[in-house]
All heavy atoms as atom14 arrays in JSON, in Angstrom:
{
  "sequence": "LDQQMTKIRKATDIVAGNLTHNEKMELIRILNKLDRFHYPIFS",
  "atom14_mask": [
    [1, 1, 1, 1, 1, 1, 1, 1, 0, 0, 0, 0, 0, 0],
    [1, 1, 1, 1, 1, 1, 1, 1, 0, 0, 0, 0, 0, 0],
    [1, 1, 1, 1, 1, 1, 1, 1, 1, 0, 0, 0, 0, 0],
    [1, 1, 1, 1, 1, 1, 1, 1, 1, 0, 0, 0, 0, 0],
    [1, 1, 1, 1, 1, 1, 1, 1, 0, 0, 0, 0, 0, 0],
    [1, 1, 1, 1, 1, 1, 1, 0, 0, 0, 0, 0, 0, 0],
    [1, 1, 1, 1, 1, 1, 1, 1, 1, 0, 0, 0, 0, 0],
    [1, 1, 1, 1, 1, 1, 1, 1, 0, 0, 0, 0, 0, 0],
    [1, 1, 1, 1, 1, 1, 1, 1, 1, 1, 1, 0, 0, 0],
    [1, 1, 1, 1, 1, 1, 1, 1, 1, 0, 0, 0, 0, 0],
    [1, 1, 1, 1, 1, 0, 0, 0, 0, 0, 0, 0, 0, 0],
    [1, 1, 1, 1, 1, 1, 1, 0, 0, 0, 0, 0, 0, 0],
    [1, 1, 1, 1, 1, 1, 1, 1, 0, 0, 0, 0, 0, 0],
    [1, 1, 1, 1, 1, 1, 1, 1, 0, 0, 0, 0, 0, 0],
    [1, 1, 1, 1, 1, 1, 1, 0, 0, 0, 0, 0, 0, 0],
    [1, 1, 1, 1, 1, 0, 0, 0, 0, 0, 0, 0, 0, 0],
    [1, 1, 1, 1, 0, 0, 0, 0, 0, 0, 0, 0, 0, 0],
    [1, 1, 1, 1, 1, 1, 1, 1, 0, 0, 0, 0, 0, 0],
    [1, 1, 1, 1, 1, 1, 1, 1, 0, 0, 0, 0, 0, 0],
    [1, 1, 1, 1, 1, 1, 1, 0, 0, 0, 0, 0, 0, 0],
    [1, 1, 1, 1, 1, 1, 1, 1, 1, 1, 0, 0, 0, 0],
    [1, 1, 1, 1, 1, 1, 1, 1, 0, 0, 0, 0, 0, 0],
    [1, 1, 1, 1, 1, 1, 1, 1, 1, 0, 0, 0, 0, 0],
    [1, 1, 1, 1, 1, 1, 1, 1, 1, 0, 0, 0, 0, 0],
    [1, 1, 1, 1, 1, 1, 1, 1, 0, 0, 0, 0, 0, 0],
    [1, 1, 1, 1, 1, 1, 1, 1, 1, 0, 0, 0, 0, 0],
    [1, 1, 1, 1, 1, 1, 1, 1, 0, 0, 0, 0, 0, 0],
    [1, 1, 1, 1, 1, 1, 1, 1, 0, 0, 0, 0, 0, 0],
    [1, 1, 1, 1, 1, 1, 1, 1, 1, 1, 1, 0, 0, 0],
    [1, 1, 1, 1, 1, 1, 1, 1, 0, 0, 0, 0, 0, 0],
    [1, 1, 1, 1, 1, 1, 1, 1, 0, 0, 0, 0, 0, 0],
    [1, 1, 1, 1, 1, 1, 1, 1, 0, 0, 0, 0, 0, 0],
    [1, 1, 1, 1, 1, 1, 1, 1, 1, 0, 0, 0, 0, 0],
    [1, 1, 1, 1, 1, 1, 1, 1, 0, 0, 0, 0, 0, 0],
    [1, 1, 1, 1, 1, 1, 1, 1, 0, 0, 0, 0, 0, 0],
    [1, 1, 1, 1, 1, 1, 1, 1, 1, 1, 1, 0, 0, 0],
    [1, 1, 1, 1, 1, 1, 1, 1, 1, 1, 1, 0, 0, 0],
    [1, 1, 1, 1, 1, 1, 1, 1, 1, 1, 0, 0, 0, 0],
    [1, 1, 1, 1, 1, 1, 1, 1, 1, 1, 1, 1, 0, 0],
    [1, 1, 1, 1, 1, 1, 1, 0, 0, 0, 0, 0, 0, 0],
    [1, 1, 1, 1, 1, 1, 1, 1, 0, 0, 0, 0, 0, 0],
    [1, 1, 1, 1, 1, 1, 1, 1, 1, 1, 1, 0, 0, 0],
    [1, 1, 1, 1, 1, 1, 0, 0, 0, 0, 0, 0, 0, 0]
  ],
  "atom14_positions": [
    [[-24.64, -60.19, -0.57], [-24.95, -58.76, -0.61], [-25.58, -58.37, -1.94], [-26.59, -57.65, -1.98], [-23.66, -57.97, -0.38], [-23.77, -56.46, -0.07], [-24.64, -56.23, 1.15], [-22.38, -55.88, 0.14], [0.0, 0.0, 0.0], [0.0, 0.0, 0.0], [0.0, 0.0, 0.0], [0.0, 0.0, 0.0], [0.0, 0.0, 0.0], [0.0, 0.0, 0.0]],
    [[-25.0, -58.86, -3.04], [-25.5, -58.51, -4.37], [-26.94, -58.97, -4.57], [-27.73, -58.3, -5.25], [-24.61, -59.13, -5.45], [-23.24, -58.44, -5.54], [-23.12, -57.32, -5.03], [-22.31, -59.05, -6.12], [0.0, 0.0, 0.0], [0.0, 0.0, 0.0], [0.0, 0.0, 0.0], [0.0, 0.0, 0.0], [0.0, 0.0, 0.0], [0.0, 0.0, 0.0]],
    [[-27.27, -60.12, -3.98], [-28.62, -60.66, -4.13], [-29.68, -59.75, -3.51], [-30.85, -59.78, -3.91], [-28.71, -62.05, -3.51], [-27.97, -63.13, -4.31], [-27.93, -64.46, -3.6], [-28.51, -64.61, -2.52], [-27.25, -65.43, -4.18], [0.0, 0.0, 0.0], [0.0, 0.0, 0.0], [0.0, 0.0, 0.0], [0.0, 0.0, 0.0], [0.0, 0.0, 0.0]],
    [[-29.28, -58.94, -2.52], [-30.24, -58.09, -1.82], [-30.09, -56.61, -2.16], [-30.89, -55.8, -1.7], [-30.08, -58.26, -0.3], [-30.33, -59.66, 0.23], [-31.71, -60.17, -0.12], [-31.85, -61.23, -0.74], [-32.74, -59.43, 0.26], [0.0, 0.0, 0.0], [0.0, 0.0, 0.0], [0.0, 0.0, 0.0], [0.0, 0.0, 0.0], [0.0, 0.0, 0.0]],
    [[-29.08, -56.24, -2.95], [-28.79, -54.83, -3.15], [-29.92, -54.06, -3.82], [-30.14, -52.88, -3.5], [-27.5, -54.66, -3.96], [-26.24, -54.78, -3.15], [-26.2, -53.76, -1.64], [-26.32, -52.1, -2.31], [0.0, 0.0, 0.0], [0.0, 0.0, 0.0], [0.0, 0.0, 0.0], [0.0, 0.0, 0.0], [0.0, 0.0, 0.0], [0.0, 0.0, 0.0]],
    [[-30.66, -54.69, -4.72], [-31.78, -53.98, -5.35], [-32.81, -53.56, -4.31], [-33.27, -52.41, -4.28], [-32.45, -54.87, -6.41], [-31.5, -55.16, -7.44], [-33.65, -54.16, -7.03], [0.0, 0.0, 0.0], [0.0, 0.0, 0.0], [0.0, 0.0, 0.0], [0.0, 0.0, 0.0], [0.0, 0.0, 0.0], [0.0, 0.0, 0.0], [0.0, 0.0, 0.0]],
    [[-33.16, -54.49, -3.41], [-34.12, -54.17, -2.36], [-33.54, -53.17, -1.36], [-34.24, -52.29, -0.86], [-34.55, -55.44, -1.62], [-35.52, -56.32, -2.41], [-36.06, -57.44, -1.54], [-37.12, -58.23, -2.28], [-37.68, -59.31, -1.43], [0.0, 0.0, 0.0], [0.0, 0.0, 0.0], [0.0, 0.0, 0.0], [0.0, 0.0, 0.0], [0.0, 0.0, 0.0]],
    [[-32.25, -53.31, -1.06], [-31.61, -52.4, -0.11], [-31.61, -50.97, -0.66], [-31.89, -50.0, 0.05], [-30.17, -52.86, 0.2], [-30.21, -54.17, 1.02], [-29.41, -51.79, 0.97], [-28.86, -54.84, 1.16], [0.0, 0.0, 0.0], [0.0, 0.0, 0.0], [0.0, 0.0, 0.0], [0.0, 0.0, 0.0], [0.0, 0.0, 0.0], [0.0, 0.0, 0.0]],
    [[-31.3, -50.83, -1.96], [-31.32, -49.5, -2.58], [-32.73, -48.92, -2.57], [-32.91, -47.71, -2.34], [-30.78, -49.58, -4.0], [-29.29, -49.87, -4.09], [-28.77, -49.68, -5.51], [-27.36, -50.0, -5.59], [-26.88, -51.15, -6.04], [-27.73, -52.1, -6.44], [-25.59, -51.38, -6.09], [0.0, 0.0, 0.0], [0.0, 0.0, 0.0], [0.0, 0.0, 0.0]],
    [[-33.73, -49.76, -2.83], [-35.11, -49.27, -2.78], [-35.48, -48.81, -1.38], [-36.18, -47.8, -1.21], [-36.06, -50.38, -3.25], [-36.03, -50.64, -4.75], [-37.02, -51.72, -5.14], [-37.01, -51.94, -6.65], [-37.96, -53.01, -7.07], [0.0, 0.0, 0.0], [0.0, 0.0, 0.0], [0.0, 0.0, 0.0], [0.0, 0.0, 0.0], [0.0, 0.0, 0.0]],
    [[-34.99, -49.54, -0.38], [-35.27, -49.16, 1.01], [-34.67, -47.8, 1.34], [-35.31, -46.96, 1.98], [-34.72, -50.22, 1.97], [0.0, 0.0, 0.0], [0.0, 0.0, 0.0], [0.0, 0.0, 0.0], [0.0, 0.0, 0.0], [0.0, 0.0, 0.0], [0.0, 0.0, 0.0], [0.0, 0.0, 0.0], [0.0, 0.0, 0.0], [0.0, 0.0, 0.0]],
    [[-33.43, -47.57, 0.88], [-32.79, -46.27, 1.15], [-33.5, -45.15, 0.4], [-33.6, -44.02, 0.9], [-31.3, -46.29, 0.77], [-31.16, -46.65, -0.62], [-30.54, -47.31, 1.6], [0.0, 0.0, 0.0], [0.0, 0.0, 0.0], [0.0, 0.0, 0.0], [0.0, 0.0, 0.0], [0.0, 0.0, 0.0], [0.0, 0.0, 0.0], [0.0, 0.0, 0.0]],
    [[-33.99, -45.44, -0.8], [-34.77, -44.44, -1.55], [-36.01, -44.03, -0.78], [-36.37, -42.85, -0.69], [-35.19, -44.98, -2.92], [-34.03, -45.05, -3.9], [-32.99, -44.42, -3.64], [-34.16, -45.75, -4.93], [0.0, 0.0, 0.0], [0.0, 0.0, 0.0], [0.0, 0.0, 0.0], [0.0, 0.0, 0.0], [0.0, 0.0, 0.0], [0.0, 0.0, 0.0]],
    [[-36.69, -45.03, -0.19], [-37.91, -44.75, 0.56], [-37.62, -43.92, 1.8], [-38.39, -43.02, 2.16], [-38.62, -46.07, 0.95], [-39.1, -46.8, -0.32], [-39.81, -45.81, 1.87], [-39.62, -48.2, -0.06], [0.0, 0.0, 0.0], [0.0, 0.0, 0.0], [0.0, 0.0, 0.0], [0.0, 0.0, 0.0], [0.0, 0.0, 0.0], [0.0, 0.0, 0.0]],
    [[-36.49, -44.21, 2.47], [-36.14, -43.47, 3.69], [-36.0, -41.97, 3.4], [-36.42, -41.13, 4.2], [-34.83, -44.01, 4.31], [-34.35, -43.11, 5.43], [-35.05, -45.42, 4.85], [0.0, 0.0, 0.0], [0.0, 0.0, 0.0], [0.0, 0.0, 0.0], [0.0, 0.0, 0.0], [0.0, 0.0, 0.0], [0.0, 0.0, 0.0], [0.0, 0.0, 0.0]],
    [[-35.44, -41.63, 2.23], [-35.3, -40.21, 1.86], [-36.64, -39.57, 1.52], [-36.74, -38.34, 1.43], [-34.35, -40.08, 0.67], [0.0, 0.0, 0.0], [0.0, 0.0, 0.0], [0.0, 0.0, 0.0], [0.0, 0.0, 0.0], [0.0, 0.0, 0.0], [0.0, 0.0, 0.0], [0.0, 0.0, 0.0], [0.0, 0.0, 0.0], [0.0, 0.0, 0.0]],
    [[-37.68, -40.4, 1.36], [-39.04, -39.91, 1.22], [-39.24, -38.95, 0.05], [-38.71, -39.15, -1.03], [0.0, 0.0, 0.0], [0.0, 0.0, 0.0], [0.0, 0.0, 0.0], [0.0, 0.0, 0.0], [0.0, 0.0, 0.0], [0.0, 0.0, 0.0], [0.0, 0.0, 0.0], [0.0, 0.0, 0.0], [0.0, 0.0, 0.0], [0.0, 0.0, 0.0]],
    [[-40.0, -37.89, 0.32], [-40.36, -36.94, -0.72], [-39.51, -35.67, -0.69], [-39.93, -34.61, -1.15], [-41.85, -36.57, -0.6], [-42.18, -35.97, 0.77], [-41.38, -36.03, 1.69], [-43.38, -35.43, 0.89], [0.0, 0.0, 0.0], [0.0, 0.0, 0.0], [0.0, 0.0, 0.0], [0.0, 0.0, 0.0], [0.0, 0.0, 0.0], [0.0, 0.0, 0.0]],
    [[-38.31, -35.77, -0.14], [-37.41, -34.61, -0.12], [-36.95, -34.28, -1.53], [-36.7, -35.17, -2.34], [-36.18, -34.9, 0.75], [-36.39, -35.12, 2.24], [-35.06, -35.42, 2.91], [-37.05, -33.91, 2.88], [0.0, 0.0, 0.0], [0.0, 0.0, 0.0], [0.0, 0.0, 0.0], [0.0, 0.0, 0.0], [0.0, 0.0, 0.0], [0.0, 0.0, 0.0]],
    [[-36.84, -32.98, -1.82], [-36.27, -32.57, -3.09], [-34.76, -32.76, -3.05], [-34.18, -33.0, -1.98], [-36.58, -31.09, -3.38], [-35.89, -30.28, -2.4], [-38.08, -30.81, -3.3], [0.0, 0.0, 0.0], [0.0, 0.0, 0.0], [0.0, 0.0, 0.0], [0.0, 0.0, 0.0], [0.0, 0.0, 0.0], [0.0, 0.0, 0.0], [0.0, 0.0, 0.0]],
    [[-34.12, -32.63, -4.22], [-32.66, -32.78, -4.26], [-31.99, -31.76, -3.34], [-31.07, -32.1, -2.58], [-32.15, -32.59, -5.69], [-30.66, -32.62, -5.81], [-29.92, -33.79, -5.74], [-29.74, -31.61, -5.94], [-28.63, -33.52, -5.85], [-28.5, -32.21, -5.97], [0.0, 0.0, 0.0], [0.0, 0.0, 0.0], [0.0, 0.0, 0.0], [0.0, 0.0, 0.0]],
    [[-32.43, -30.51, -3.39], [-31.83, -29.47, -2.54], [-32.03, -29.76, -1.06], [-31.13, -29.52, -0.24], [-32.42, -28.1, -2.89], [-31.92, -27.57, -4.22], [-30.88, -28.0, -4.72], [-32.65, -26.64, -4.81], [0.0, 0.0, 0.0], [0.0, 0.0, 0.0], [0.0, 0.0, 0.0], [0.0, 0.0, 0.0], [0.0, 0.0, 0.0], [0.0, 0.0, 0.0]],
    [[-33.2, -30.28, -0.73], [-33.47, -30.63, 0.67], [-32.58, -31.78, 1.13], [-32.1, -31.8, 2.26], [-34.94, -30.98, 0.85], [-35.86, -29.78, 0.78], [-37.33, -30.16, 0.72], [-37.64, -31.3, 0.3], [-38.18, -29.32, 1.08], [0.0, 0.0, 0.0], [0.0, 0.0, 0.0], [0.0, 0.0, 0.0], [0.0, 0.0, 0.0], [0.0, 0.0, 0.0]],
    [[-32.34, -32.74, 0.24], [-31.44, -33.85, 0.57], [-30.03, -33.34, 0.82], [-29.35, -33.77, 1.76], [-31.43, -34.88, -0.56], [-32.72, -35.66, -0.7], [-32.68, -36.56, -1.94], [-34.01, -37.25, -2.16], [-34.03, -38.07, -3.4], [0.0, 0.0, 0.0], [0.0, 0.0, 0.0], [0.0, 0.0, 0.0], [0.0, 0.0, 0.0], [0.0, 0.0, 0.0]],
    [[-29.56, -32.42, -0.03], [-28.21, -31.88, 0.13], [-28.09, -31.1, 1.45], [-27.08, -31.2, 2.15], [-27.86, -30.96, -1.04], [-27.81, -31.64, -2.41], [-26.66, -33.06, -2.48], [-27.8, -34.46, -2.35], [0.0, 0.0, 0.0], [0.0, 0.0, 0.0], [0.0, 0.0, 0.0], [0.0, 0.0, 0.0], [0.0, 0.0, 0.0], [0.0, 0.0, 0.0]],
    [[-29.13, -30.34, 1.79], [-29.11, -29.58, 3.04], [-29.15, -30.52, 4.24], [-28.45, -30.3, 5.24], [-30.3, -28.62, 3.08], [-30.41, -27.77, 4.34], [-29.26, -26.81, 4.54], [-28.43, -26.65, 3.6], [-29.17, -26.19, 5.62], [0.0, 0.0, 0.0], [0.0, 0.0, 0.0], [0.0, 0.0, 0.0], [0.0, 0.0, 0.0], [0.0, 0.0, 0.0]],
    [[-29.95, -31.58, 4.15], [-30.03, -32.54, 5.25], [-28.69, -33.24, 5.44], [-28.25, -33.45, 6.58], [-31.13, -33.56, 4.98], [-31.35, -34.62, 6.07], [-31.7, -33.97, 7.4], [-32.46, -35.59, 5.66], [0.0, 0.0, 0.0], [0.0, 0.0, 0.0], [0.0, 0.0, 0.0], [0.0, 0.0, 0.0], [0.0, 0.0, 0.0], [0.0, 0.0, 0.0]],
    [[-28.02, -33.62, 4.35], [-26.71, -34.25, 4.44], [-25.72, -33.3, 5.13], [-24.93, -33.72, 5.99], [-26.19, -34.65, 3.04], [-27.0, -35.83, 2.5], [-24.7, -35.02, 3.1], [-26.7, -36.15, 1.05], [0.0, 0.0, 0.0], [0.0, 0.0, 0.0], [0.0, 0.0, 0.0], [0.0, 0.0, 0.0], [0.0, 0.0, 0.0], [0.0, 0.0, 0.0]],
    [[-25.77, -32.02, 4.75], [-24.86, -31.04, 5.37], [-25.09, -30.97, 6.88], [-24.13, -31.0, 7.67], [-25.09, -29.66, 4.75], [-24.13, -28.58, 5.26], [-24.55, -27.2, 4.83], [-25.79, -26.79, 5.45], [-25.87, -26.33, 6.7], [-24.78, -26.25, 7.46], [-27.03, -25.96, 7.21], [0.0, 0.0, 0.0], [0.0, 0.0, 0.0], [0.0, 0.0, 0.0]],
    [[-26.35, -30.92, 7.29], [-26.67, -30.8, 8.71], [-26.29, -32.08, 9.46], [-25.7, -32.03, 10.56], [-28.16, -30.48, 8.9], [-28.45, -29.07, 8.37], [-28.57, -30.59, 10.37], [-29.94, -28.74, 8.31], [0.0, 0.0, 0.0], [0.0, 0.0, 0.0], [0.0, 0.0, 0.0], [0.0, 0.0, 0.0], [0.0, 0.0, 0.0], [0.0, 0.0, 0.0]],
    [[-26.62, -33.24, 8.9], [-26.31, -34.5, 9.56], [-24.8, -34.73, 9.64], [-24.3, -35.28, 10.63], [-26.99, -35.66, 8.83], [-28.52, -35.68, 8.93], [-29.11, -36.82, 8.1], [-28.99, -35.78, 10.38], [0.0, 0.0, 0.0], [0.0, 0.0, 0.0], [0.0, 0.0, 0.0], [0.0, 0.0, 0.0], [0.0, 0.0, 0.0], [0.0, 0.0, 0.0]],
    [[-24.07, -34.32, 8.59], [-22.6, -34.4, 8.64], [-22.05, -33.56, 9.78], [-21.11, -33.96, 10.48], [-21.99, -33.94, 7.32], [-21.9, -35.05, 6.29], [-21.85, -36.22, 6.65], [-21.87, -34.69, 5.03], [0.0, 0.0, 0.0], [0.0, 0.0, 0.0], [0.0, 0.0, 0.0], [0.0, 0.0, 0.0], [0.0, 0.0, 0.0], [0.0, 0.0, 0.0]],
    [[-22.62, -32.38, 9.97], [-22.17, -31.5, 11.06], [-22.41, -32.16, 12.41], [-21.53, -32.13, 13.3], [-22.88, -30.16, 10.98], [-22.4, -29.14, 12.0], [-23.04, -27.78, 11.79], [-22.5, -26.77, 12.81], [-23.09, -25.42, 12.62], [0.0, 0.0, 0.0], [0.0, 0.0, 0.0], [0.0, 0.0, 0.0], [0.0, 0.0, 0.0], [0.0, 0.0, 0.0]],
    [[-23.58, -32.78, 12.58], [-23.86, -33.48, 13.83], [-22.94, -34.67, 14.02], [-22.47, -34.94, 15.13], [-25.33, -33.95, 13.84], [-26.38, -32.95, 14.29], [-27.77, -33.53, 14.11], [-26.16, -32.52, 15.73], [0.0, 0.0, 0.0], [0.0, 0.0, 0.0], [0.0, 0.0, 0.0], [0.0, 0.0, 0.0], [0.0, 0.0, 0.0], [0.0, 0.0, 0.0]],
    [[-22.67, -35.4, 12.94], [-21.78, -36.56, 13.03], [-20.38, -36.14, 13.43], [-19.73, -36.81, 14.24], [-21.75, -37.29, 11.68], [-21.02, -38.61, 11.76], [-21.48, -39.5, 12.51], [-19.97, -38.76, 11.11], [0.0, 0.0, 0.0], [0.0, 0.0, 0.0], [0.0, 0.0, 0.0], [0.0, 0.0, 0.0], [0.0, 0.0, 0.0], [0.0, 0.0, 0.0]],
    [[-19.9, -35.02, 12.88], [-18.55, -34.54, 13.24], [-18.49, -34.13, 14.7], [-17.41, -34.19, 15.32], [-18.17, -33.35, 12.35], [-17.83, -33.73, 10.92], [-17.15, -32.58, 10.19], [-17.98, -31.4, 10.13], [-18.85, -31.13, 9.16], [-19.01, -31.98, 8.17], [-19.56, -30.02, 9.17], [0.0, 0.0, 0.0], [0.0, 0.0, 0.0], [0.0, 0.0, 0.0]],
    [[-19.61, -33.72, 15.27], [-19.63, -33.38, 16.69], [-19.62, -34.64, 17.55], [-18.86, -34.74, 18.51], [-20.87, -32.54, 17.02], [-21.06, -32.3, 18.49], [-20.33, -31.32, 19.15], [-21.94, -33.07, 19.23], [-20.48, -31.11, 20.52], [-22.1, -32.87, 20.59], [-21.37, -31.88, 21.24], [0.0, 0.0, 0.0], [0.0, 0.0, 0.0], [0.0, 0.0, 0.0]],
    [[-20.46, -35.62, 17.2], [-20.67, -36.76, 18.09], [-19.6, -37.84, 17.97], [-19.3, -38.5, 18.98], [-22.05, -37.38, 17.83], [-23.19, -36.52, 18.27], [-23.44, -36.26, 19.61], [-24.12, -35.83, 17.57], [-24.49, -35.47, 19.71], [-24.92, -35.2, 18.49], [0.0, 0.0, 0.0], [0.0, 0.0, 0.0], [0.0, 0.0, 0.0], [0.0, 0.0, 0.0]],
    [[-19.03, -38.05, 16.78], [-18.12, -39.17, 16.62], [-16.88, -39.1, 17.52], [-16.51, -40.11, 18.14], [-17.7, -39.34, 15.15], [-16.9, -40.61, 14.93], [-17.53, -41.84, 14.9], [-15.51, -40.57, 14.81], [-16.81, -43.02, 14.73], [-14.78, -41.73, 14.64], [-15.43, -42.95, 14.6], [-14.71, -44.11, 14.45], [0.0, 0.0, 0.0], [0.0, 0.0, 0.0]],
    [[-16.22, -37.94, 17.64], [-15.05, -37.88, 18.54], [-15.42, -38.2, 19.99], [-14.61, -38.8, 20.71], [-14.56, -36.43, 18.4], [-15.07, -35.98, 17.08], [-16.4, -36.66, 16.91], [0.0, 0.0, 0.0], [0.0, 0.0, 0.0], [0.0, 0.0, 0.0], [0.0, 0.0, 0.0], [0.0, 0.0, 0.0], [0.0, 0.0, 0.0], [0.0, 0.0, 0.0]],
    [[-16.61, -37.81, 20.4], [-17.07, -38.13, 21.76], [-17.27, -39.63, 21.9], [-16.81, -40.24, 22.86], [-18.38, -37.37, 22.08], [-18.15, -35.86, 22.03], [-18.92, -37.78, 23.45], [-19.42, -35.05, 22.13], [0.0, 0.0, 0.0], [0.0, 0.0, 0.0], [0.0, 0.0, 0.0], [0.0, 0.0, 0.0], [0.0, 0.0, 0.0], [0.0, 0.0, 0.0]],
    [[-17.94, -40.23, 20.93], [-18.17, -41.68, 20.94], [-16.86, -42.44, 20.97], [-16.73, -43.45, 21.68], [-18.98, -42.07, 19.7], [-19.09, -43.55, 19.48], [-19.99, -44.31, 20.21], [-18.29, -44.19, 18.54], [-20.09, -45.68, 20.02], [-18.38, -45.56, 18.34], [-19.28, -46.31, 19.09], [0.0, 0.0, 0.0], [0.0, 0.0, 0.0], [0.0, 0.0, 0.0]],
    [[-15.87, -41.95, 20.23], [-14.58, -42.65, 20.1], [-13.8, -42.67, 21.41], [-12.88, -43.48, 21.57], [-13.73, -41.99, 19.01], [-14.38, -42.1, 17.75], [0.0, 0.0, 0.0], [0.0, 0.0, 0.0], [0.0, 0.0, 0.0], [0.0, 0.0, 0.0], [0.0, 0.0, 0.0], [0.0, 0.0, 0.0], [0.0, 0.0, 0.0], [0.0, 0.0, 0.0]]
  ]
}
């Protein structure tokens, strides 16, 4: 895992794209809300 973590972190940085910090925080809030809805159903 450690051997690939630098590339993995870079990949996650790219996925977040050109979002600003505030946009990232808002997206996390919205995705968390969706996750809280779907996970109990999945379980």
